[in-house]
Amino acid sequence: MACCSSFLSGALTSQCNYRNTLLLLRHSQPHRQRHRRLVIRAAETSQPPSSPRRLVDLIRLIPDLSRNYFKSRPRRALFGGISLLGGFYVAQTISLSFGALGVNDVIAAVLCVLLTEYATKFYYSRPKVTFPVALLNNFKMGFTYGLFIDAFKLAS
């Protein structure tokens, strides 16, 4: 019993010391600016909107935001690589799924060829290549590369 009471008293004093330490730490830190409360106000018709308040306005901002986001060359290269590897992944998935089933192989091959030919026509018919069109071309290149690699695997 004495052992238990000494254990409890030791635990209580260490708990009190811990709380006192926390209180000292809280008071020793410099005062920081309090978090601002989020104030929600109704849209008034008499004022011009200072920020977009409707969902349509937010959707209209997306092209400008993405244009500003992709101005950086490293970001463009990163998403180009992701697109290339995404095409490779899709080609491997299509090849694996239709190859394992053993049905509709010819139809899958025709759809793959039509997809790549349409993407090529779409890319080369544009007078100016934009970034989304370049991503589509990277996807097509990765897709074609994935199909070639899978054909070499099957030939060995």
C-alpha atoms as a PDB file:
ATOM      1  CA  MET A   1       0.000   0.000   0.000  1.00  0.00           C
ATOM      2  CA  ALA A   2       2.832   2.341   0.892  1.00  0.00           C
ATOM      3  CA  CYS A   3       4.451   1.464  -2.397  1.00  0.00           C
ATOM      4  CA  CYS A   4       1.302   2.387  -4.301  1.00  0.00           C
ATOM      5  CA  SER A   5       0.865   5.684  -2.437  1.00  0.00           C
ATOM      6  CA  SER A   6       4.468   6.697  -3.102  1.00  0.00           C
ATOM      7  CA  PHE A   7       4.030   5.780  -6.762  1.00  0.00           C
ATOM      8  CA  LEU A   8       0.853   7.839  -7.003  1.00  0.00           C
ATOM      9  CA  SER A   9       2.371  10.815  -5.227  1.00  0.00           C
ATOM     10  CA  GLY A  10       5.423  10.635  -7.501  1.00  0.00           C
ATOM     11  CA  ALA A  11       3.177  10.488 -10.562  1.00  0.00           C
ATOM     12  CA  LEU A  12       1.104  13.426  -9.334  1.00  0.00           C
ATOM     13  CA  THR A  13       4.137  15.583  -8.641  1.00  0.00           C
ATOM     14  CA  SER A  14       5.615  14.785 -12.033  1.00  0.00           C
ATOM     15  CA  GLN A  15       2.246  15.619 -13.610  1.00  0.00           C
ATOM     16  CA  CYS A  16       2.165  18.916 -11.699  1.00  0.00           C
ATOM     17  CA  ASN A  17       5.744  19.682 -12.763  1.00  0.00           C
ATOM     18  CA  TYR A  18       4.795  18.933 -16.368  1.00  0.00           C
ATOM     19  CA  ARG A  19       1.820  21.301 -16.184  1.00  0.00           C
ATOM     20  CA  ASN A  20       3.923  24.027 -14.565  1.00  0.00           C
ATOM     21  CA  THR A  21       6.523  23.604 -17.295  1.00  0.00           C
ATOM     22  CA  LEU A  22       3.841  23.954 -19.958  1.00  0.00           C
ATOM     23  CA  LEU A  23       2.479  27.066 -18.266  1.00  0.00           C
ATOM     24  CA  LEU A  24       5.969  28.555 -18.115  1.00  0.00           C
ATOM     25  CA  LEU A  25       6.553  27.729 -21.774  1.00  0.00           C
ATOM     26  CA  ARG A  26       3.281  29.320 -22.761  1.00  0.00           C
ATOM     27  CA  HIS A  27       4.055  32.509 -20.879  1.00  0.00           C
ATOM     28  CA  SER A  28       7.650  32.675 -22.030  1.00  0.00           C
ATOM     29  CA  GLN A  29       6.764  32.636 -25.717  1.00  0.00           C
ATOM     30  CA  PRO A  30       6.242  36.030 -27.331  1.00  0.00           C
ATOM     31  CA  HIS A  31       2.669  36.978 -28.000  1.00  0.00           C
ATOM     32  CA  ARG A  32       1.680  36.163 -31.520  1.00  0.00           C
ATOM     33  CA  GLN A  33      -1.063  37.678 -33.549  1.00  0.00           C
ATOM     34  CA  ARG A  34      -4.376  36.027 -32.809  1.00  0.00           C
ATOM     35  CA  HIS A  35      -6.001  34.060 -35.614  1.00  0.00           C
ATOM     36  CA  ARG A  36      -8.573  36.063 -37.448  1.00  0.00           C
ATOM     37  CA  ARG A  37     -12.072  34.779 -37.360  1.00  0.00           C
ATOM     38  CA  LEU A  38     -13.668  33.817 -40.635  1.00  0.00           C
ATOM     39  CA  VAL A  39     -16.443  36.275 -41.276  1.00  0.00           C
ATOM     40  CA  ILE A  40     -19.089  35.253 -43.748  1.00  0.00           C
ATOM     41  CA  ARG A  41     -21.065  38.113 -45.214  1.00  0.00           C
ATOM     42  CA  ALA A  42     -24.003  38.041 -47.553  1.00  0.00           C
ATOM     43  CA  ALA A  43     -23.455  39.363 -51.057  1.00  0.00           C
ATOM     44  CA  GLU A  44     -24.877  42.839 -51.383  1.00  0.00           C
ATOM     45  CA  THR A  45     -26.203  44.051 -54.683  1.00  0.00           C
ATOM     46  CA  SER A  46     -25.213  47.690 -54.114  1.00  0.00           C
ATOM     47  CA  GLN A  47     -21.464  46.927 -54.016  1.00  0.00           C
ATOM     48  CA  PRO A  48     -19.415  45.674 -56.939  1.00  0.00           C
ATOM     49  CA  PRO A  49     -17.972  42.276 -56.047  1.00  0.00           C
ATOM     50  CA  SER A  50     -14.409  42.615 -54.808  1.00  0.00           C
ATOM     51  CA  SER A  51     -13.827  38.886 -55.163  1.00  0.00           C
ATOM     52  CA  PRO A  52     -15.674  36.190 -57.084  1.00  0.00           C
ATOM     53  CA  ARG A  53     -18.618  34.896 -55.125  1.00  0.00           C
ATOM     54  CA  ARG A  54     -20.333  32.597 -57.562  1.00  0.00           C
ATOM     55  CA  LEU A  55     -19.199  29.191 -58.691  1.00  0.00           C
ATOM     56  CA  VAL A  56     -19.276  30.300 -62.330  1.00  0.00           C
ATOM     57  CA  ASP A  57     -16.831  33.107 -61.544  1.00  0.00           C
ATOM     58  CA  LEU A  58     -14.482  30.666 -59.857  1.00  0.00           C
ATOM     59  CA  ILE A  59     -14.662  28.314 -62.838  1.00  0.00           C
ATOM     60  CA  ARG A  60     -13.876  31.205 -65.172  1.00  0.00           C
ATOM     61  CA  LEU A  61     -10.709  31.920 -63.185  1.00  0.00           C
ATOM     62  CA  ILE A  62      -9.293  28.410 -63.711  1.00  0.00           C
ATOM     63  CA  PRO A  63      -7.735  29.048 -67.171  1.00  0.00           C
ATOM     64  CA  ASP A  64      -5.902  32.146 -65.926  1.00  0.00           C
ATOM     65  CA  LEU A  65      -4.702  30.364 -62.811  1.00  0.00           C
ATOM     66  CA  SER A  66      -3.458  27.372 -64.799  1.00  0.00           C
ATOM     67  CA  ARG A  67      -1.771  29.643 -67.346  1.00  0.00           C
ATOM     68  CA  ASN A  68       0.112  31.384 -64.560  1.00  0.00           C
ATOM     69  CA  TYR A  69       0.918  28.065 -62.881  1.00  0.00           C
ATOM     70  CA  PHE A  70       2.447  26.556 -66.019  1.00  0.00           C
ATOM     71  CA  LYS A  71       4.641  29.553 -66.899  1.00  0.00           C
ATOM     72  CA  SER A  72       7.496  27.915 -65.032  1.00  0.00           C
ATOM     73  CA  ARG A  73       9.652  25.664 -67.229  1.00  0.00           C
ATOM     74  CA  PRO A  74      10.279  23.017 -64.543  1.00  0.00           C
ATOM     75  CA  ARG A  75       6.535  22.617 -64.022  1.00  0.00           C
ATOM     76  CA  ARG A  76       5.967  22.245 -67.745  1.00  0.00           C
ATOM     77  CA  ALA A  77       8.716  19.643 -67.958  1.00  0.00           C
ATOM     78  CA  LEU A  78       7.343  17.800 -64.931  1.00  0.00           C
ATOM     79  CA  PHE A  79       3.835  17.578 -66.345  1.00  0.00           C
ATOM     80  CA  GLY A  80       5.229  16.634 -69.760  1.00  0.00           C
ATOM     81  CA  GLY A  81       7.060  13.716 -68.158  1.00  0.00           C
ATOM     82  CA  ILE A  82       3.971  12.721 -66.203  1.00  0.00           C
ATOM     83  CA  SER A  83       1.976  12.748 -69.426  1.00  0.00           C
ATOM     84  CA  LEU A  84       4.585  10.631 -71.202  1.00  0.00           C
ATOM     85  CA  LEU A  85       4.680   8.071 -68.398  1.00  0.00           C
ATOM     86  CA  GLY A  86       0.878   8.145 -68.165  1.00  0.00           C
ATOM     87  CA  GLY A  87       0.639   7.134 -71.830  1.00  0.00           C
ATOM     88  CA  PHE A  88       3.146   4.353 -71.227  1.00  0.00           C
ATOM     89  CA  TYR A  89       1.098   3.123 -68.258  1.00  0.00           C
ATOM     90  CA  VAL A  90      -2.171   3.154 -70.210  1.00  0.00           C
ATOM     91  CA  ALA A  91      -0.563   1.216 -73.077  1.00  0.00           C
ATOM     92  CA  GLN A  92       0.773  -1.426 -70.709  1.00  0.00           C
ATOM     93  CA  THR A  93      -2.618  -1.702 -69.006  1.00  0.00           C
ATOM     94  CA  ILE A  94      -4.521  -2.081 -72.272  1.00  0.00           C
ATOM     95  CA  SER A  95      -2.042  -4.610 -73.588  1.00  0.00           C
ATOM     96  CA  LEU A  96      -2.134  -6.630 -70.390  1.00  0.00           C
ATOM     97  CA  SER A  97      -5.907  -6.618 -70.009  1.00  0.00           C
ATOM     98  CA  PHE A  98      -6.752  -7.550 -73.593  1.00  0.00           C
ATOM     99  CA  GLY A  99      -3.841  -9.960 -73.861  1.00  0.00           C
ATOM    100  CA  ALA A 100      -4.903 -11.840 -70.737  1.00  0.00           C
ATOM    101  CA  LEU A 101      -8.500 -12.199 -71.875  1.00  0.00           C
ATOM    102  CA  GLY A 102      -7.613 -13.305 -75.383  1.00  0.00           C
ATOM    103  CA  VAL A 103     -10.769 -11.778 -76.851  1.00  0.00           C
ATOM    104  CA  ASN A 104     -11.216  -8.564 -78.819  1.00  0.00           C
ATOM    105  CA  ASP A 105      -7.489  -8.182 -79.443  1.00  0.00           C
ATOM    106  CA  VAL A 106      -8.088  -6.929 -82.970  1.00  0.00           C
ATOM    107  CA  ILE A 107     -10.672  -4.388 -81.845  1.00  0.00           C
ATOM    108  CA  ALA A 108      -8.331  -3.112 -79.119  1.00  0.00           C
ATOM    109  CA  ALA A 109      -5.507  -2.771 -81.649  1.00  0.00           C
ATOM    110  CA  VAL A 110      -7.756  -0.842 -84.054  1.00  0.00           C
ATOM    111  CA  LEU A 111      -8.847   1.521 -81.266  1.00  0.00           C
ATOM    112  CA  CYS A 112      -5.220   2.098 -80.242  1.00  0.00           C
ATOM    113  CA  VAL A 113      -4.187   2.917 -83.818  1.00  0.00           C
ATOM    114  CA  LEU A 114      -7.174   5.238 -84.268  1.00  0.00           C
ATOM    115  CA  LEU A 115      -6.352   6.997 -81.009  1.00  0.00           C
ATOM    116  CA  THR A 116      -2.744   7.626 -81.965  1.00  0.00           C
ATOM    117  CA  GLU A 117      -3.591   8.702 -85.511  1.00  0.00           C
ATOM    118  CA  TYR A 118      -6.273  11.117 -84.334  1.00  0.00           C
ATOM    119  CA  ALA A 119      -3.927  12.628 -81.739  1.00  0.00           C
ATOM    120  CA  THR A 120      -1.222  13.021 -84.420  1.00  0.00           C
ATOM    121  CA  LYS A 121      -3.647  14.727 -86.805  1.00  0.00           C
ATOM    122  CA  PHE A 122      -4.908  16.975 -84.026  1.00  0.00           C
ATOM    123  CA  TYR A 123      -1.372  17.961 -82.999  1.00  0.00           C
ATOM    124  CA  TYR A 124      -0.003  18.683 -86.482  1.00  0.00           C
ATOM    125  CA  SER A 125      -3.110  20.507 -87.760  1.00  0.00           C
ATOM    126  CA  ARG A 126      -2.754  23.276 -85.157  1.00  0.00           C
ATOM    127  CA  PRO A 127      -1.061  26.498 -86.252  1.00  0.00           C
ATOM    128  CA  LYS A 128       0.230  27.084 -82.722  1.00  0.00           C
ATOM    129  CA  VAL A 129       0.921  24.287 -80.261  1.00  0.00           C
ATOM    130  CA  THR A 130      -0.490  25.066 -76.827  1.00  0.00           C
ATOM    131  CA  PHE A 131       0.536  23.342 -73.631  1.00  0.00           C
ATOM    132  CA  PRO A 132      -2.517  21.025 -73.384  1.00  0.00           C
ATOM    133  CA  VAL A 133      -1.982  19.920 -76.987  1.00  0.00           C
ATOM    134  CA  ALA A 134       1.693  19.255 -76.220  1.00  0.00           C
ATOM    135  CA  LEU A 135       0.592  17.156 -73.227  1.00  0.00           C
ATOM    136  CA  LEU A 136      -1.690  15.175 -75.529  1.00  0.00           C
ATOM    137  CA  ASN A 137       1.234  14.581 -77.895  1.00  0.00           C
ATOM    138  CA  ASN A 138       3.439  13.459 -74.989  1.00  0.00           C
ATOM    139  CA  PHE A 139       0.707  11.059 -73.905  1.00  0.00           C
ATOM    140  CA  LYS A 140       0.537   9.696 -77.449  1.00  0.00           C
ATOM    141  CA  MET A 141       4.302   9.218 -77.587  1.00  0.00           C
ATOM    142  CA  GLY A 142       4.282   7.356 -74.263  1.00  0.00           C
ATOM    143  CA  PHE A 143       1.349   5.253 -75.453  1.00  0.00           C
ATOM    144  CA  THR A 144       3.106   4.301 -78.684  1.00  0.00           C
ATOM    145  CA  TYR A 145       6.350   3.569 -76.860  1.00  0.00           C
ATOM    146  CA  GLY A 146       4.501   1.344 -74.388  1.00  0.00           C
ATOM    147  CA  LEU A 147       2.913  -0.651 -77.204  1.00  0.00           C
ATOM    148  CA  PHE A 148       6.296  -1.098 -78.930  1.00  0.00           C
ATOM    149  CA  ILE A 149       7.924  -2.278 -75.715  1.00  0.00           C
ATOM    150  CA  ASP A 150       5.103  -4.737 -75.151  1.00  0.00           C
ATOM    151  CA  ALA A 151       5.489  -6.041 -78.711  1.00  0.00           C
ATOM    152  CA  PHE A 152       9.209  -6.628 -78.104  1.00  0.00           C
ATOM    153  CA  LYS A 153       8.386  -8.479 -74.879  1.00  0.00           C
ATOM    154  CA  LEU A 154       5.992 -10.771 -76.724  1.00  0.00           C
ATOM    155  CA  ALA A 155       8.508 -11.499 -79.502  1.00  0.00           C
ATOM    156  CA  SER A 156      11.158 -12.799 -77.095  1.00  0.00           C
END
